[in-house]
């Protein structure tokens, strides 16, 4: 059974910006503290790979509860990372806040456009 944190992070594959990440090779580790999940996110040449372990080449490793993971994925990564770090709910084991921000900058922002399923 997949846990919510890994499912949310895996959904980022649909928002990766292929133009920005065409020549990118970067990795991030995430430890979801309240579900005890470990997730690796690796961007290689415009493709996001999600693993169940922290990549050896991770530029940053963050620890956060699934509520903050949801904020990173669904609302605003930079704002959530900064707020979580400031409040102490999110910690950075290795790397820096700037490196975590740089990783999440590889993804398109959440669209504010409403989805219309029927045209009437």
PDB file of N, CA and C in Angstrom:
ATOM      1  N   UNK A   1       0.824  -1.175   0.000  1.00  0.00           N
ATOM      2  CA  UNK A   1       0.000   0.000   0.000  1.00  0.00           C
ATOM      3  C   UNK A   1       0.878   1.253   0.000  1.00  0.00           C
ATOM      4  N   UNK A   2       0.580   2.188  -0.870  1.00  0.00           N
ATOM      5  CA  UNK A   2       1.328   3.430  -0.940  1.00  0.00           C
ATOM      6  C   UNK A   2       0.828   4.401   0.113  1.00  0.00           C
ATOM      7  N   UNK A   3       1.756   5.129   0.699  1.00  0.00           N
ATOM      8  CA  UNK A   3       1.385   6.141   1.673  1.00  0.00           C
ATOM      9  C   UNK A   3       1.209   7.479   0.981  1.00  0.00           C
ATOM     10  N   UNK A   4       0.489   8.366   1.637  1.00  0.00           N
ATOM     11  CA  UNK A   4       0.125   9.649   1.052  1.00  0.00           C
ATOM     12  C   UNK A   4       1.337  10.488   0.655  1.00  0.00           C
ATOM     13  N   UNK A   5       2.355  10.523   1.480  1.00  0.00           N
ATOM     14  CA  UNK A   5       3.539  11.331   1.170  1.00  0.00           C
ATOM     15  C   UNK A   5       4.190  10.929  -0.140  1.00  0.00           C
ATOM     16  N   UNK A   6       4.387   9.631  -0.344  1.00  0.00           N
ATOM     17  CA  UNK A   6       5.027   9.178  -1.579  1.00  0.00           C
ATOM     18  C   UNK A   6       4.125   9.378  -2.787  1.00  0.00           C
ATOM     19  N   UNK A   7       2.825   9.222  -2.609  1.00  0.00           N
ATOM     20  CA  UNK A   7       1.881   9.441  -3.711  1.00  0.00           C
ATOM     21  C   UNK A   7       1.913  10.908  -4.135  1.00  0.00           C
ATOM     22  N   UNK A   8       1.895  11.807  -3.162  1.00  0.00           N
ATOM     23  CA  UNK A   8       1.961  13.238  -3.479  1.00  0.00           C
ATOM     24  C   UNK A   8       3.249  13.580  -4.224  1.00  0.00           C
ATOM     25  N   UNK A   9       4.356  13.096  -3.724  1.00  0.00           N
ATOM     26  CA  UNK A   9       5.640  13.399  -4.358  1.00  0.00           C
ATOM     27  C   UNK A   9       5.728  12.787  -5.751  1.00  0.00           C
ATOM     28  N   UNK A  10       5.183  11.601  -5.911  1.00  0.00           N
ATOM     29  CA  UNK A  10       5.192  10.963  -7.221  1.00  0.00           C
ATOM     30  C   UNK A  10       4.373  11.749  -8.239  1.00  0.00           C
ATOM     31  N   UNK A  11       3.355  12.454  -7.775  1.00  0.00           N
ATOM     32  CA  UNK A  11       2.527  13.242  -8.693  1.00  0.00           C
ATOM     33  C   UNK A  11       3.304  14.396  -9.333  1.00  0.00           C
ATOM     34  N   UNK A  12       4.442  14.736  -8.781  1.00  0.00           N
ATOM     35  CA  UNK A  12       5.261  15.806  -9.362  1.00  0.00           C
ATOM     36  C   UNK A  12       5.739  15.460 -10.771  1.00  0.00           C
ATOM     37  N   UNK A  13       5.780  14.185 -11.116  1.00  0.00           N
ATOM     38  CA  UNK A  13       6.262  13.794 -12.455  1.00  0.00           C
ATOM     39  C   UNK A  13       5.427  14.418 -13.568  1.00  0.00           C
ATOM     40  N   UNK A  14       4.184  14.773 -13.251  1.00  0.00           N
ATOM     41  CA  UNK A  14       3.317  15.379 -14.258  1.00  0.00           C
ATOM     42  C   UNK A  14       3.524  16.894 -14.375  1.00  0.00           C
ATOM     43  N   UNK A  15       4.315  17.458 -13.466  1.00  0.00           N
ATOM     44  CA  UNK A  15       4.537  18.899 -13.485  1.00  0.00           C
ATOM     45  C   UNK A  15       5.983  19.282 -13.777  1.00  0.00           C
ATOM     46  N   UNK A  16       6.817  18.313 -14.091  1.00  0.00           N
ATOM     47  CA  UNK A  16       8.212  18.635 -14.368  1.00  0.00           C
ATOM     48  C   UNK A  16       8.284  19.504 -15.624  1.00  0.00           C
ATOM     49  N   UNK A  17       9.154  20.478 -15.608  1.00  0.00           N
ATOM     50  CA  UNK A  17       9.335  21.365 -16.750  1.00  0.00           C
ATOM     51  C   UNK A  17      10.464  20.797 -17.607  1.00  0.00           C
ATOM     52  N   UNK A  18      10.141  20.175 -18.743  1.00  0.00           N
ATOM     53  CA  UNK A  18      11.174  19.517 -19.549  1.00  0.00           C
ATOM     54  C   UNK A  18      12.193  20.490 -20.133  1.00  0.00           C
ATOM     55  N   UNK A  19      11.789  21.713 -20.393  1.00  0.00           N
ATOM     56  CA  UNK A  19      12.731  22.696 -20.934  1.00  0.00           C
ATOM     57  C   UNK A  19      13.767  23.095 -19.884  1.00  0.00           C
ATOM     58  N   UNK A  20      13.312  23.336 -18.667  1.00  0.00           N
ATOM     59  CA  UNK A  20      14.225  23.739 -17.587  1.00  0.00           C
ATOM     60  C   UNK A  20      15.159  22.604 -17.181  1.00  0.00           C
ATOM     61  N   UNK A  21      14.695  21.368 -17.311  1.00  0.00           N
ATOM     62  CA  UNK A  21      15.451  20.236 -16.770  1.00  0.00           C
ATOM     63  C   UNK A  21      16.106  19.363 -17.836  1.00  0.00           C
ATOM     64  N   UNK A  22      16.143  19.854 -19.055  1.00  0.00           N
ATOM     65  CA  UNK A  22      16.699  19.075 -20.161  1.00  0.00           C
ATOM     66  C   UNK A  22      18.129  18.600 -19.880  1.00  0.00           C
ATOM     67  N   UNK A  23      18.933  19.460 -19.277  1.00  0.00           N
ATOM     68  CA  UNK A  23      20.328  19.116 -18.993  1.00  0.00           C
ATOM     69  C   UNK A  23      20.598  18.986 -17.501  1.00  0.00           C
ATOM     70  N   UNK A  24      19.555  18.676 -16.739  1.00  0.00           N
ATOM     71  CA  UNK A  24      19.648  18.630 -15.278  1.00  0.00           C
ATOM     72  C   UNK A  24      19.866  17.212 -14.775  1.00  0.00           C
ATOM     73  N   UNK A  25      20.692  17.107 -13.751  1.00  0.00           N
ATOM     74  CA  UNK A  25      20.878  15.860 -13.019  1.00  0.00           C
ATOM     75  C   UNK A  25      20.970  16.254 -11.544  1.00  0.00           C
ATOM     76  N   UNK A  26      19.861  16.125 -10.825  1.00  0.00           N
ATOM     77  CA  UNK A  26      19.790  16.564  -9.431  1.00  0.00           C
ATOM     78  C   UNK A  26      18.902  15.599  -8.653  1.00  0.00           C
ATOM     79  N   UNK A  27      19.189  15.442  -7.368  1.00  0.00           N
ATOM     80  CA  UNK A  27      18.409  14.514  -6.541  1.00  0.00           C
ATOM     81  C   UNK A  27      18.111  15.137  -5.186  1.00  0.00           C
ATOM     82  N   UNK A  28      17.002  14.703  -4.612  1.00  0.00           N
ATOM     83  CA  UNK A  28      16.559  15.176  -3.298  1.00  0.00           C
ATOM     84  C   UNK A  28      16.031  13.979  -2.524  1.00  0.00           C
ATOM     85  N   UNK A  29      16.260  13.962  -1.232  1.00  0.00           N
ATOM     86  CA  UNK A  29      15.697  12.932  -0.369  1.00  0.00           C
ATOM     87  C   UNK A  29      14.640  13.531   0.525  1.00  0.00           C
ATOM     88  N   UNK A  30      13.577  12.769   0.772  1.00  0.00           N
ATOM     89  CA  UNK A  30      12.488  13.233   1.640  1.00  0.00           C
ATOM     90  C   UNK A  30      12.168  12.134   2.644  1.00  0.00           C
ATOM     91  N   UNK A  31      12.141  12.512   3.916  1.00  0.00           N
ATOM     92  CA  UNK A  31      11.687  11.603   4.959  1.00  0.00           C
ATOM     93  C   UNK A  31      10.385  12.175   5.505  1.00  0.00           C
ATOM     94  N   UNK A  32       9.294  11.449   5.264  1.00  0.00           N
ATOM     95  CA  UNK A  32       7.976  11.888   5.730  1.00  0.00           C
ATOM     96  C   UNK A  32       7.857  11.417   7.176  1.00  0.00           C
ATOM     97  N   UNK A  33       7.912  12.368   8.092  1.00  0.00           N
ATOM     98  CA  UNK A  33       8.093  12.033   9.506  1.00  0.00           C
ATOM     99  C   UNK A  33       6.912  11.341  10.167  1.00  0.00           C
ATOM    100  N   UNK A  34       5.695  11.665   9.757  1.00  0.00           N
ATOM    101  CA  UNK A  34       4.547  11.066  10.443  1.00  0.00           C
ATOM    102  C   UNK A  34       4.086   9.747   9.837  1.00  0.00           C
ATOM    103  N   UNK A  35       4.620   9.366   8.683  1.00  0.00           N
ATOM    104  CA  UNK A  35       4.264   8.069   8.098  1.00  0.00           C
ATOM    105  C   UNK A  35       5.489   7.163   7.960  1.00  0.00           C
ATOM    106  N   UNK A  36       6.642   7.669   8.389  1.00  0.00           N
ATOM    107  CA  UNK A  36       7.900   6.923   8.347  1.00  0.00           C
ATOM    108  C   UNK A  36       8.264   6.479   6.928  1.00  0.00           C
ATOM    109  N   UNK A  37       7.925   7.314   5.945  1.00  0.00           N
ATOM    110  CA  UNK A  37       8.260   7.028   4.548  1.00  0.00           C
ATOM    111  C   UNK A  37       9.600   7.656   4.201  1.00  0.00           C
ATOM    112  N   UNK A  38      10.305   7.009   3.308  1.00  0.00           N
ATOM    113  CA  UNK A  38      11.521   7.556   2.735  1.00  0.00           C
ATOM    114  C   UNK A  38      11.321   7.582   1.231  1.00  0.00           C
ATOM    115  N   UNK A  39      11.547   8.741   0.632  1.00  0.00           N
ATOM    116  CA  UNK A  39      11.320   8.907  -0.796  1.00  0.00           C
ATOM    117  C   UNK A  39      12.530   9.597  -1.407  1.00  0.00           C
ATOM    118  N   UNK A  40      12.981   9.059  -2.527  1.00  0.00           N
ATOM    119  CA  UNK A  40      14.036   9.696  -3.294  1.00  0.00           C
ATOM    120  C   UNK A  40      13.448  10.268  -4.569  1.00  0.00           C
ATOM    121  N   UNK A  41      13.862  11.471  -4.898  1.00  0.00           N
ATOM    122  CA  UNK A  41      13.417  12.127  -6.129  1.00  0.00           C
ATOM    123  C   UNK A  41      14.660  12.459  -6.944  1.00  0.00           C
ATOM    124  N   UNK A  42      14.714  11.927  -8.150  1.00  0.00           N
ATOM    125  CA  UNK A  42      15.881  12.127  -9.006  1.00  0.00           C
ATOM    126  C   UNK A  42      15.411  12.687 -10.341  1.00  0.00           C
ATOM    127  N   UNK A  43      15.961  13.821 -10.712  1.00  0.00           N
ATOM    128  CA  UNK A  43      15.658  14.406 -12.026  1.00  0.00           C
ATOM    129  C   UNK A  43      16.877  14.190 -12.902  1.00  0.00           C
ATOM    130  N   UNK A  44      16.639  13.507 -14.017  1.00  0.00           N
ATOM    131  CA  UNK A  44      17.695  13.277 -15.009  1.00  0.00           C
ATOM    132  C   UNK A  44      17.140  13.620 -16.380  1.00  0.00           C
ATOM    133  N   UNK A  45      17.699  14.642 -16.997  1.00  0.00           N
ATOM    134  CA  UNK A  45      17.364  15.009 -18.373  1.00  0.00           C
ATOM    135  C   UNK A  45      15.856  15.100 -18.614  1.00  0.00           C
ATOM    136  N   UNK A  46      15.163  15.822 -17.729  1.00  0.00           N
ATOM    137  CA  UNK A  46      13.750  16.081 -17.928  1.00  0.00           C
ATOM    138  C   UNK A  46      12.796  15.018 -17.436  1.00  0.00           C
ATOM    139  N   UNK A  47      13.297  13.988 -16.781  1.00  0.00           N
ATOM    140  CA  UNK A  47      12.463  12.890 -16.281  1.00  0.00           C
ATOM    141  C   UNK A  47      12.624  12.806 -14.762  1.00  0.00           C
ATOM    142  N   UNK A  48      11.500  12.668 -14.051  1.00  0.00           N
ATOM    143  CA  UNK A  48      11.545  12.479 -12.602  1.00  0.00           C
ATOM    144  C   UNK A  48      11.429  11.002 -12.287  1.00  0.00           C
ATOM    145  N   UNK A  49      12.391  10.493 -11.534  1.00  0.00           N
ATOM    146  CA  UNK A  49      12.350   9.117 -11.037  1.00  0.00           C
ATOM    147  C   UNK A  49      12.092   9.179  -9.533  1.00  0.00           C
ATOM    148  N   UNK A  50      11.138   8.392  -9.065  1.00  0.00           N
ATOM    149  CA  UNK A  50      10.798   8.335  -7.647  1.00  0.00           C
ATOM    150  C   UNK A  50      11.223   6.979  -7.113  1.00  0.00           C
ATOM    151  N   UNK A  51      11.987   6.994  -6.024  1.00  0.00           N
ATOM    152  CA  UNK A  51      12.479   5.748  -5.431  1.00  0.00           C
ATOM    153  C   UNK A  51      12.057   5.674  -3.968  1.00  0.00           C
ATOM    154  N   UNK A  52      12.267   4.520  -3.360  1.00  0.00           N
ATOM    155  CA  UNK A  52      11.918   4.362  -1.949  1.00  0.00           C
ATOM    156  C   UNK A  52      13.139   4.440  -1.033  1.00  0.00           C
ATOM    157  N   UNK A  53      14.179   5.103  -1.524  1.00  0.00           N
ATOM    158  CA  UNK A  53      15.367   5.319  -0.694  1.00  0.00           C
ATOM    159  C   UNK A  53      15.982   6.672  -1.043  1.00  0.00           C
ATOM    160  N   UNK A  54      16.778   7.183  -0.130  1.00  0.00           N
ATOM    161  CA  UNK A  54      17.447   8.465  -0.344  1.00  0.00           C
ATOM    162  C   UNK A  54      18.584   8.247  -1.340  1.00  0.00           C
ATOM    163  N   UNK A  55      18.601   8.998  -2.430  1.00  0.00           N
ATOM    164  CA  UNK A  55      19.682   8.846  -3.407  1.00  0.00           C
ATOM    165  C   UNK A  55      21.037   9.243  -2.803  1.00  0.00           C
ATOM    166  N   UNK A  56      22.065   8.488  -3.120  1.00  0.00           N
ATOM    167  CA  UNK A  56      23.408   8.795  -2.619  1.00  0.00           C
ATOM    168  C   UNK A  56      23.854  10.183  -3.056  1.00  0.00           C
ATOM    169  N   UNK A  57      23.377  10.621  -4.229  1.00  0.00           N
ATOM    170  CA  UNK A  57      23.791  11.913  -4.771  1.00  0.00           C
ATOM    171  C   UNK A  57      22.851  13.056  -4.389  1.00  0.00           C
ATOM    172  N   UNK A  58      21.983  12.846  -3.404  1.00  0.00           N
ATOM    173  CA  UNK A  58      21.007  13.876  -3.013  1.00  0.00           C
ATOM    174  C   UNK A  58      21.723  15.152  -2.570  1.00  0.00           C
ATOM    175  N   UNK A  59      21.316  16.281  -3.167  1.00  0.00           N
ATOM    176  CA  UNK A  59      21.896  17.567  -2.781  1.00  0.00           C
ATOM    177  C   UNK A  59      21.303  18.056  -1.472  1.00  0.00           C
ATOM    178  N   UNK A  60      20.111  17.583  -1.138  1.00  0.00           N
ATOM    179  CA  UNK A  60      19.468  17.936   0.129  1.00  0.00           C
ATOM    180  C   UNK A  60      18.563  16.796   0.564  1.00  0.00           C
ATOM    181  N   UNK A  61      18.401  16.670   1.864  1.00  0.00           N
ATOM    182  CA  UNK A  61      17.463  15.698   2.446  1.00  0.00           C
ATOM    183  C   UNK A  61      16.606  16.463   3.445  1.00  0.00           C
ATOM    184  N   UNK A  62      15.286  16.423   3.221  1.00  0.00           N
ATOM    185  CA  UNK A  62      14.378  17.138   4.112  1.00  0.00           C
ATOM    186  C   UNK A  62      13.540  16.150   4.908  1.00  0.00           C
ATOM    187  N   UNK A  63      13.160  16.571   6.122  1.00  0.00           N
ATOM    188  CA  UNK A  63      12.280  15.799   7.001  1.00  0.00           C
ATOM    189  C   UNK A  63      11.046  16.658   7.233  1.00  0.00           C
ATOM    190  N   UNK A  64       9.869  16.121   6.935  1.00  0.00           N
ATOM    191  CA  UNK A  64       8.638  16.902   7.099  1.00  0.00           C
ATOM    192  C   UNK A  64       7.436  15.970   7.221  1.00  0.00           C
ATOM    193  N   UNK A  65       6.394  16.403   7.924  1.00  0.00           N
ATOM    194  CA  UNK A  65       5.155  15.618   7.982  1.00  0.00           C
ATOM    195  C   UNK A  65       4.402  15.718   6.655  1.00  0.00           C
ATOM    196  N   UNK A  66       3.479  14.794   6.440  1.00  0.00           N
ATOM    197  CA  UNK A  66       2.768  14.746   5.155  1.00  0.00           C
ATOM    198  C   UNK A  66       1.972  16.016   4.869  1.00  0.00           C
ATOM    199  N   UNK A  67       1.533  16.727   5.897  1.00  0.00           N
ATOM    200  CA  UNK A  67       0.810  17.976   5.677  1.00  0.00           C
ATOM    201  C   UNK A  67       1.711  19.006   4.973  1.00  0.00           C
ATOM    202  N   UNK A  68       2.963  19.072   5.361  1.00  0.00           N
ATOM    203  CA  UNK A  68       3.889  19.987   4.688  1.00  0.00           C
ATOM    204  C   UNK A  68       4.258  19.474   3.295  1.00  0.00           C
ATOM    205  N   UNK A  69       4.346  18.165   3.141  1.00  0.00           N
ATOM    206  CA  UNK A  69       4.596  17.606   1.807  1.00  0.00           C
ATOM    207  C   UNK A  69       3.458  18.004   0.873  1.00  0.00           C
ATOM    208  N   UNK A  70       2.232  17.935   1.376  1.00  0.00           N
ATOM    209  CA  UNK A  70       1.075  18.358   0.570  1.00  0.00           C
ATOM    210  C   UNK A  70       1.198  19.830   0.192  1.00  0.00           C
ATOM    211  N   UNK A  71       1.624  20.668   1.114  1.00  0.00           N
ATOM    212  CA  UNK A  71       1.812  22.078   0.822  1.00  0.00           C
ATOM    213  C   UNK A  71       2.879  22.318  -0.229  1.00  0.00           C
ATOM    214  N   UNK A  72       3.969  21.563  -0.153  1.00  0.00           N
ATOM    215  CA  UNK A  72       5.045  21.684  -1.136  1.00  0.00           C
ATOM    216  C   UNK A  72       4.529  21.327  -2.526  1.00  0.00           C
ATOM    217  N   UNK A  73       3.795  20.228  -2.613  1.00  0.00           N
ATOM    218  CA  UNK A  73       3.333  19.723  -3.908  1.00  0.00           C
ATOM    219  C   UNK A  73       2.117  20.492  -4.430  1.00  0.00           C
ATOM    220  N   UNK A  74       1.164  20.773  -3.567  1.00  0.00           N
ATOM    221  CA  UNK A  74      -0.124  21.282  -4.025  1.00  0.00           C
ATOM    222  C   UNK A  74      -0.305  22.793  -3.918  1.00  0.00           C
ATOM    223  N   UNK A  75       0.503  23.457  -3.117  1.00  0.00           N
ATOM    224  CA  UNK A  75       0.287  24.890  -2.925  1.00  0.00           C
ATOM    225  C   UNK A  75       1.471  25.682  -3.458  1.00  0.00           C
ATOM    226  N   UNK A  76       2.545  25.793  -2.693  1.00  0.00           N
ATOM    227  CA  UNK A  76       3.705  26.579  -3.110  1.00  0.00           C
ATOM    228  C   UNK A  76       4.935  26.015  -2.414  1.00  0.00           C
ATOM    229  N   UNK A  77       5.832  25.432  -3.183  1.00  0.00           N
ATOM    230  CA  UNK A  77       6.996  24.760  -2.599  1.00  0.00           C
ATOM    231  C   UNK A  77       7.872  25.728  -1.802  1.00  0.00           C
ATOM    232  N   UNK A  78       8.233  26.851  -2.406  1.00  0.00           N
ATOM    233  CA  UNK A  78       9.126  27.804  -1.725  1.00  0.00           C
ATOM    234  C   UNK A  78       8.520  28.315  -0.423  1.00  0.00           C
ATOM    235  N   UNK A  79       7.267  28.701  -0.484  1.00  0.00           N
ATOM    236  CA  UNK A  79       6.586  29.235   0.697  1.00  0.00           C
ATOM    237  C   UNK A  79       6.480  28.174   1.789  1.00  0.00           C
ATOM    238  N   UNK A  80       6.128  26.954   1.413  1.00  0.00           N
ATOM    239  CA  UNK A  80       5.972  25.876   2.392  1.00  0.00           C
ATOM    240  C   UNK A  80       7.312  25.474   2.993  1.00  0.00           C
ATOM    241  N   UNK A  81       8.345  25.394   2.158  1.00  0.00           N
ATOM    242  CA  UNK A  81       9.674  25.062   2.673  1.00  0.00           C
ATOM    243  C   UNK A  81      10.154  26.118   3.665  1.00  0.00           C
ATOM    244  N   UNK A  82       9.991  27.391   3.306  1.00  0.00           N
ATOM    245  CA  UNK A  82      10.433  28.472   4.191  1.00  0.00           C
ATOM    246  C   UNK A  82       9.631  28.489   5.493  1.00  0.00           C
ATOM    247  N   UNK A  83       8.309  28.389   5.386  1.00  0.00           N
ATOM    248  CA  UNK A  83       7.463  28.403   6.574  1.00  0.00           C
ATOM    249  C   UNK A  83       7.716  27.204   7.470  1.00  0.00           C
ATOM    250  N   UNK A  84       7.878  26.043   6.863  1.00  0.00           N
ATOM    251  CA  UNK A  84       8.135  24.836   7.647  1.00  0.00           C
ATOM    252  C   UNK A  84       9.473  24.885   8.355  1.00  0.00           C
ATOM    253  N   UNK A  85      10.479  25.440   7.686  1.00  0.00           N
ATOM    254  CA  UNK A  85      11.797  25.576   8.294  1.00  0.00           C
ATOM    255  C   UNK A  85      11.739  26.571   9.450  1.00  0.00           C
ATOM    256  N   UNK A  86      11.072  27.677   9.213  1.00  0.00           N
ATOM    257  CA  UNK A  86      10.955  28.718  10.242  1.00  0.00           C
ATOM    258  C   UNK A  86      10.227  28.211  11.485  1.00  0.00           C
ATOM    259  N   UNK A  87       9.172  27.415  11.282  1.00  0.00           N
ATOM    260  CA  UNK A  87       8.392  26.910  12.421  1.00  0.00           C
ATOM    261  C   UNK A  87       9.044  25.710  13.102  1.00  0.00           C
ATOM    262  N   UNK A  88       9.996  25.083  12.417  1.00  0.00           N
ATOM    263  CA  UNK A  88      10.640  23.897  12.962  1.00  0.00           C
ATOM    264  C   UNK A  88       9.953  22.599  12.579  1.00  0.00           C
ATOM    265  N   UNK A  89       8.847  22.680  11.841  1.00  0.00           N
ATOM    266  CA  UNK A  89       8.126  21.475  11.419  1.00  0.00           C
ATOM    267  C   UNK A  89       8.869  20.748  10.304  1.00  0.00           C
ATOM    268  N   UNK A  90       9.698  21.461   9.577  1.00  0.00           N
ATOM    269  CA  UNK A  90      10.498  20.891   8.501  1.00  0.00           C
ATOM    270  C   UNK A  90      11.961  21.118   8.833  1.00  0.00           C
ATOM    271  N   UNK A  91      12.747  20.061   8.740  1.00  0.00           N
ATOM    272  CA  UNK A  91      14.181  20.196   8.973  1.00  0.00           C
ATOM    273  C   UNK A  91      14.938  19.720   7.745  1.00  0.00           C
ATOM    274  N   UNK A  92      16.123  20.247   7.592  1.00  0.00           N
ATOM    275  CA  UNK A  92      16.978  19.865   6.474  1.00  0.00           C
ATOM    276  C   UNK A  92      18.188  19.135   7.047  1.00  0.00           C
ATOM    277  N   UNK A  93      18.256  17.842   6.745  1.00  0.00           N
ATOM    278  CA  UNK A  93      19.316  16.984   7.290  1.00  0.00           C
ATOM    279  C   UNK A  93      20.646  17.284   6.612  1.00  0.00           C
ATOM    280  N   UNK A  94      20.619  17.327   5.307  1.00  0.00           N
ATOM    281  CA  UNK A  94      21.821  17.678   4.547  1.00  0.00           C
ATOM    282  C   UNK A  94      21.409  18.688   3.490  1.00  0.00           C
ATOM    283  N   UNK A  95      22.354  19.489   3.064  1.00  0.00           N
ATOM    284  CA  UNK A  95      22.056  20.513   2.080  1.00  0.00           C
ATOM    285  C   UNK A  95      21.488  21.754   2.742  1.00  0.00           C
ATOM    286  N   UNK A  96      20.918  22.630   1.907  1.00  0.00           N
ATOM    287  CA  UNK A  96      20.408  23.911   2.389  1.00  0.00           C
ATOM    288  C   UNK A  96      18.998  24.149   1.861  1.00  0.00           C
ATOM    289  N   UNK A  97      18.359  25.155   2.435  1.00  0.00           N
ATOM    290  CA  UNK A  97      17.043  25.561   1.956  1.00  0.00           C
ATOM    291  C   UNK A  97      17.128  25.998   0.493  1.00  0.00           C
ATOM    292  N   UNK A  98      18.189  26.691   0.129  1.00  0.00           N
ATOM    293  CA  UNK A  98      18.367  27.117  -1.266  1.00  0.00           C
ATOM    294  C   UNK A  98      18.470  25.920  -2.209  1.00  0.00           C
ATOM    295  N   UNK A  99      19.133  24.851  -1.785  1.00  0.00           N
ATOM    296  CA  UNK A  99      19.246  23.658  -2.628  1.00  0.00           C
ATOM    297  C   UNK A  99      17.896  22.947  -2.761  1.00  0.00           C
ATOM    298  N   UNK A 100      17.118  22.900  -1.680  1.00  0.00           N
ATOM    299  CA  UNK A 100      15.777  22.309  -1.757  1.00  0.00           C
ATOM    300  C   UNK A 100      14.896  23.148  -2.679  1.00  0.00           C
ATOM    301  N   UNK A 101      14.965  24.475  -2.553  1.00  0.00           N
ATOM    302  CA  UNK A 101      14.203  25.355  -3.443  1.00  0.00           C
ATOM    303  C   UNK A 101      14.597  25.148  -4.898  1.00  0.00           C
ATOM    304  N   UNK A 102      15.891  25.032  -5.151  1.00  0.00           N
ATOM    305  CA  UNK A 102      16.368  24.833  -6.525  1.00  0.00           C
ATOM    306  C   UNK A 102      15.804  23.549  -7.113  1.00  0.00           C
ATOM    307  N   UNK A 103      15.698  22.510  -6.302  1.00  0.00           N
ATOM    308  CA  UNK A 103      15.128  21.257  -6.792  1.00  0.00           C
ATOM    309  C   UNK A 103      13.668  21.460  -7.193  1.00  0.00           C
ATOM    310  N   UNK A 104      12.873  22.060  -6.321  1.00  0.00           N
ATOM    311  CA  UNK A 104      11.446  22.224  -6.603  1.00  0.00           C
ATOM    312  C   UNK A 104      11.173  23.281  -7.676  1.00  0.00           C
ATOM    313  N   UNK A 105      12.154  24.115  -7.977  1.00  0.00           N
ATOM    314  CA  UNK A 105      12.017  25.068  -9.086  1.00  0.00           C
ATOM    315  C   UNK A 105      11.961  24.365 -10.438  1.00  0.00           C
ATOM    316  N   UNK A 106      12.306  23.091 -10.475  1.00  0.00           N
ATOM    317  CA  UNK A 106      12.283  22.317 -11.726  1.00  0.00           C
ATOM    318  C   UNK A 106      10.863  21.961 -12.165  1.00  0.00           C
ATOM    319  N   UNK A 107       9.890  22.256 -11.318  1.00  0.00           N
ATOM    320  CA  UNK A 107       8.507  21.879 -11.606  1.00  0.00           C
ATOM    321  C   UNK A 107       7.666  23.105 -11.927  1.00  0.00           C
ATOM    322  N   UNK A 108       6.699  22.907 -12.810  1.00  0.00           N
ATOM    323  CA  UNK A 108       5.763  23.988 -13.119  1.00  0.00           C
ATOM    324  C   UNK A 108       4.931  24.272 -11.877  1.00  0.00           C
ATOM    325  N   UNK A 109       4.598  25.540 -11.640  1.00  0.00           N
ATOM    326  CA  UNK A 109       3.734  25.855 -10.494  1.00  0.00           C
ATOM    327  C   UNK A 109       2.337  25.276 -10.699  1.00  0.00           C
ATOM    328  N   UNK A 110       1.649  25.114  -9.606  1.00  0.00           N
ATOM    329  CA  UNK A 110       0.273  24.612  -9.656  1.00  0.00           C
ATOM    330  C   UNK A 110      -0.568  25.597 -10.442  1.00  0.00           C
ATOM    331  N   UNK A 111      -1.387  25.080 -11.312  1.00  0.00           N
ATOM    332  CA  UNK A 111      -2.241  25.926 -12.132  1.00  0.00           C
ATOM    333  C   UNK A 111      -3.417  26.442 -11.315  1.00  0.00           C
ATOM    334  N   UNK A 112      -3.720  27.709 -11.484  1.00  0.00           N
ATOM    335  CA  UNK A 112      -4.883  28.305 -10.823  1.00  0.00           C
ATOM    336  C   UNK A 112      -6.122  28.184 -11.702  1.00  0.00           C
ATOM    337  N   UNK A 113      -5.934  27.713 -12.925  1.00  0.00           N
ATOM    338  CA  UNK A 113      -7.039  27.599 -13.869  1.00  0.00           C
ATOM    339  C   UNK A 113      -7.978  26.469 -13.444  1.00  0.00           C
ATOM    340  N   UNK A 114      -9.245  26.747 -13.491  1.00  0.00           N
ATOM    341  CA  UNK A 114     -10.243  25.732 -13.150  1.00  0.00           C
ATOM    342  C   UNK A 114     -10.394  24.747 -14.310  1.00  0.00           C
ATOM    343  N   UNK A 115     -10.558  23.510 -13.956  1.00  0.00           N
ATOM    344  CA  UNK A 115     -10.757  22.457 -14.937  1.00  0.00           C
ATOM    345  C   UNK A 115     -12.238  22.369 -15.299  1.00  0.00           C
ATOM    346  N   UNK A 116     -12.543  22.470 -16.580  1.00  0.00           N
ATOM    347  CA  UNK A 116     -13.924  22.366 -17.039  1.00  0.00           C
ATOM    348  C   UNK A 116     -14.102  21.011 -17.730  1.00  0.00           C
ATOM    349  N   UNK A 117     -14.944  20.194 -17.172  1.00  0.00           N
ATOM    350  CA  UNK A 117     -15.134  18.849 -17.697  1.00  0.00           C
ATOM    351  C   UNK A 117     -16.215  18.792 -18.760  1.00  0.00           C
ATOM    352  N   UNK A 118     -17.073  19.762 -18.805  1.00  0.00           N
ATOM    353  CA  UNK A 118     -18.136  19.779 -19.814  1.00  0.00           C
ATOM    354  C   UNK A 118     -18.312  21.221 -20.307  1.00  0.00           C
ATOM    355  N   UNK A 119     -18.597  21.331 -21.567  1.00  0.00           N
ATOM    356  CA  UNK A 119     -18.813  22.648 -22.151  1.00  0.00           C
ATOM    357  C   UNK A 119     -20.295  22.807 -22.419  1.00  0.00           C
ATOM    358  N   UNK A 120     -20.942  23.664 -21.679  1.00  0.00           N
ATOM    359  CA  UNK A 120     -22.395  23.822 -21.835  1.00  0.00           C
ATOM    360  C   UNK A 120     -22.724  25.229 -22.175  1.00  0.00           C
TER     361      UNK A 120
END
